[in-house]
Amino acid sequence: MWPRLHEVLLAKLRGANVLDFSRAAVDGSHIRASKGAPRRDEVLLTGAEPAANTT
């Protein structure tokens, strides 16, 4: 129901020419990563060796 309501509301706002995208922000954080998080063995090290444990 909500996606359809959202679609109808946007259509009405567009038709009334009241949408203002001059100050809009886009956030893609809700989009699922298609490849997922890297596995431990896929992470590239940035140094010659891992840092020593200090605890």
N, C-alpha and C. Protein backbone atom coordinates (compact mmCIF):
# COMPACT_ATOMS: atom_id res chain seq x y z
N MET A 1 0.81 -1.18 0.00
CA MET A 1 0.00 0.00 0.00
C MET A 1 0.87 1.26 0.00
N TRP A 2 1.94 1.31 0.83
CA TRP A 2 2.77 2.52 0.94
C TRP A 2 3.46 2.88 -0.37
N PRO A 3 4.05 1.91 -1.09
CA PRO A 3 4.68 2.29 -2.37
C PRO A 3 3.68 2.92 -3.34
N ARG A 4 2.47 2.39 -3.39
CA ARG A 4 1.45 2.94 -4.30
C ARG A 4 1.03 4.33 -3.85
N LEU A 5 0.84 4.53 -2.54
CA LEU A 5 0.48 5.84 -2.00
C LEU A 5 1.58 6.86 -2.32
N HIS A 6 2.81 6.46 -2.16
CA HIS A 6 3.95 7.33 -2.46
C HIS A 6 3.95 7.71 -3.94
N GLU A 7 3.70 6.75 -4.79
CA GLU A 7 3.64 6.99 -6.23
C GLU A 7 2.53 7.99 -6.59
N VAL A 8 1.37 7.81 -6.00
CA VAL A 8 0.24 8.70 -6.26
C VAL A 8 0.54 10.12 -5.76
N LEU A 9 1.09 10.22 -4.56
CA LEU A 9 1.43 11.53 -3.99
C LEU A 9 2.45 12.26 -4.87
N LEU A 10 3.49 11.57 -5.30
CA LEU A 10 4.48 12.20 -6.17
C LEU A 10 3.87 12.64 -7.49
N ALA A 11 2.99 11.85 -8.04
CA ALA A 11 2.32 12.23 -9.29
C ALA A 11 1.50 13.49 -9.11
N LYS A 12 0.79 13.60 -7.99
CA LYS A 12 -0.01 14.80 -7.73
C LYS A 12 0.88 16.02 -7.52
N LEU A 13 1.96 15.86 -6.80
CA LEU A 13 2.88 16.98 -6.57
C LEU A 13 3.55 17.43 -7.86
N ARG A 14 3.92 16.47 -8.71
CA ARG A 14 4.50 16.82 -10.02
C ARG A 14 3.48 17.57 -10.86
N GLY A 15 2.24 17.09 -10.86
CA GLY A 15 1.18 17.71 -11.63
C GLY A 15 0.89 19.14 -11.18
N ALA A 16 1.05 19.40 -9.89
CA ALA A 16 0.83 20.74 -9.35
C ALA A 16 2.08 21.60 -9.46
N ASN A 17 3.17 21.02 -9.95
CA ASN A 17 4.45 21.72 -10.12
C ASN A 17 4.95 22.33 -8.81
N VAL A 18 4.87 21.55 -7.73
CA VAL A 18 5.30 22.04 -6.43
C VAL A 18 6.52 21.30 -5.88
N LEU A 19 7.09 20.40 -6.65
CA LEU A 19 8.30 19.72 -6.21
C LEU A 19 9.51 20.60 -6.50
N ASP A 20 10.38 20.76 -5.52
CA ASP A 20 11.59 21.57 -5.68
C ASP A 20 12.80 20.71 -5.33
N PHE A 21 13.54 20.32 -6.35
CA PHE A 21 14.72 19.47 -6.14
C PHE A 21 16.01 20.28 -6.10
N SER A 22 15.93 21.60 -5.93
CA SER A 22 17.13 22.42 -5.89
C SER A 22 17.96 22.16 -4.64
N ARG A 23 17.32 21.64 -3.60
CA ARG A 23 18.03 21.33 -2.35
C ARG A 23 17.70 19.90 -1.95
N ALA A 24 18.11 18.96 -2.76
CA ALA A 24 17.81 17.55 -2.50
C ALA A 24 19.09 16.80 -2.21
N ALA A 25 18.99 15.75 -1.44
CA ALA A 25 20.13 14.88 -1.13
C ALA A 25 19.74 13.45 -1.49
N VAL A 26 20.71 12.72 -2.01
CA VAL A 26 20.48 11.34 -2.41
C VAL A 26 21.25 10.44 -1.46
N ASP A 27 20.59 9.43 -0.94
CA ASP A 27 21.21 8.50 -0.01
C ASP A 27 20.95 7.08 -0.49
N GLY A 28 21.99 6.35 -0.78
CA GLY A 28 21.84 4.98 -1.25
C GLY A 28 22.16 3.94 -0.20
N SER A 29 22.17 4.34 1.06
CA SER A 29 22.56 3.41 2.11
C SER A 29 21.58 2.26 2.29
N HIS A 30 20.36 2.39 1.83
CA HIS A 30 19.38 1.31 1.97
C HIS A 30 19.46 0.29 0.85
N ILE A 31 20.32 0.54 -0.14
CA ILE A 31 20.44 -0.37 -1.26
C ILE A 31 21.43 -1.49 -0.92
N ARG A 32 21.01 -2.72 -1.11
CA ARG A 32 21.84 -3.87 -0.78
C ARG A 32 23.03 -3.96 -1.74
N ALA A 33 24.20 -4.25 -1.19
CA ALA A 33 25.39 -4.44 -2.01
C ALA A 33 25.26 -5.76 -2.76
N SER A 34 25.43 -5.73 -4.07
CA SER A 34 25.22 -6.94 -4.86
C SER A 34 26.30 -7.99 -4.62
N LYS A 35 27.49 -7.57 -4.27
CA LYS A 35 28.57 -8.54 -4.01
C LYS A 35 28.75 -8.82 -2.53
N GLY A 36 28.13 -8.05 -1.68
CA GLY A 36 28.24 -8.25 -0.25
C GLY A 36 29.56 -7.75 0.30
N ALA A 37 29.74 -7.92 1.59
CA ALA A 37 30.97 -7.48 2.25
C ALA A 37 32.11 -8.41 1.88
N PRO A 38 33.34 -7.88 1.81
CA PRO A 38 34.47 -8.75 1.47
C PRO A 38 34.73 -9.76 2.58
N ARG A 39 35.12 -10.95 2.18
CA ARG A 39 35.49 -11.97 3.17
C ARG A 39 36.85 -11.62 3.73
N ARG A 40 37.18 -12.20 4.85
CA ARG A 40 38.44 -11.91 5.53
C ARG A 40 39.63 -12.16 4.61
N ASP A 41 39.60 -13.23 3.81
CA ASP A 41 40.72 -13.54 2.94
C ASP A 41 40.78 -12.66 1.69
N GLU A 42 39.75 -11.83 1.47
CA GLU A 42 39.73 -10.94 0.32
C GLU A 42 40.21 -9.53 0.66
N VAL A 43 40.38 -9.24 1.95
CA VAL A 43 40.78 -7.90 2.37
C VAL A 43 42.25 -7.70 2.06
N LEU A 44 42.55 -6.61 1.36
CA LEU A 44 43.94 -6.31 1.02
C LEU A 44 44.61 -5.59 2.18
N LEU A 45 45.79 -6.02 2.54
CA LEU A 45 46.56 -5.36 3.59
C LEU A 45 47.23 -4.13 3.01
N THR A 46 47.33 -3.07 3.81
CA THR A 46 47.95 -1.84 3.33
C THR A 46 49.40 -1.73 3.78
N GLY A 47 49.82 -2.54 4.72
CA GLY A 47 51.20 -2.49 5.19
C GLY A 47 51.93 -3.77 4.85
N ALA A 48 53.23 -3.81 5.14
CA ALA A 48 54.03 -4.99 4.85
C ALA A 48 53.58 -6.18 5.70
N GLU A 49 53.28 -5.93 6.96
CA GLU A 49 52.83 -6.97 7.88
C GLU A 49 51.73 -6.42 8.77
N PRO A 50 50.88 -7.28 9.30
CA PRO A 50 49.87 -6.79 10.23
C PRO A 50 50.52 -6.18 11.47
N ALA A 51 49.86 -5.20 12.08
CA ALA A 51 50.38 -4.56 13.29
C ALA A 51 50.40 -5.54 14.45
N ALA A 52 51.33 -5.34 15.37
CA ALA A 52 51.43 -6.20 16.55
C ALA A 52 50.25 -5.92 17.47
N ASN A 53 49.81 -6.94 18.19
CA ASN A 53 48.73 -6.79 19.15
C ASN A 53 49.25 -6.02 20.34
N THR A 54 48.58 -4.95 20.75
CA THR A 54 49.05 -4.13 21.86
C THR A 54 48.27 -4.35 23.13
N THR A 55 47.38 -5.34 23.16
CA THR A 55 46.59 -5.57 24.38
C THR A 55 47.10 -6.76 25.13
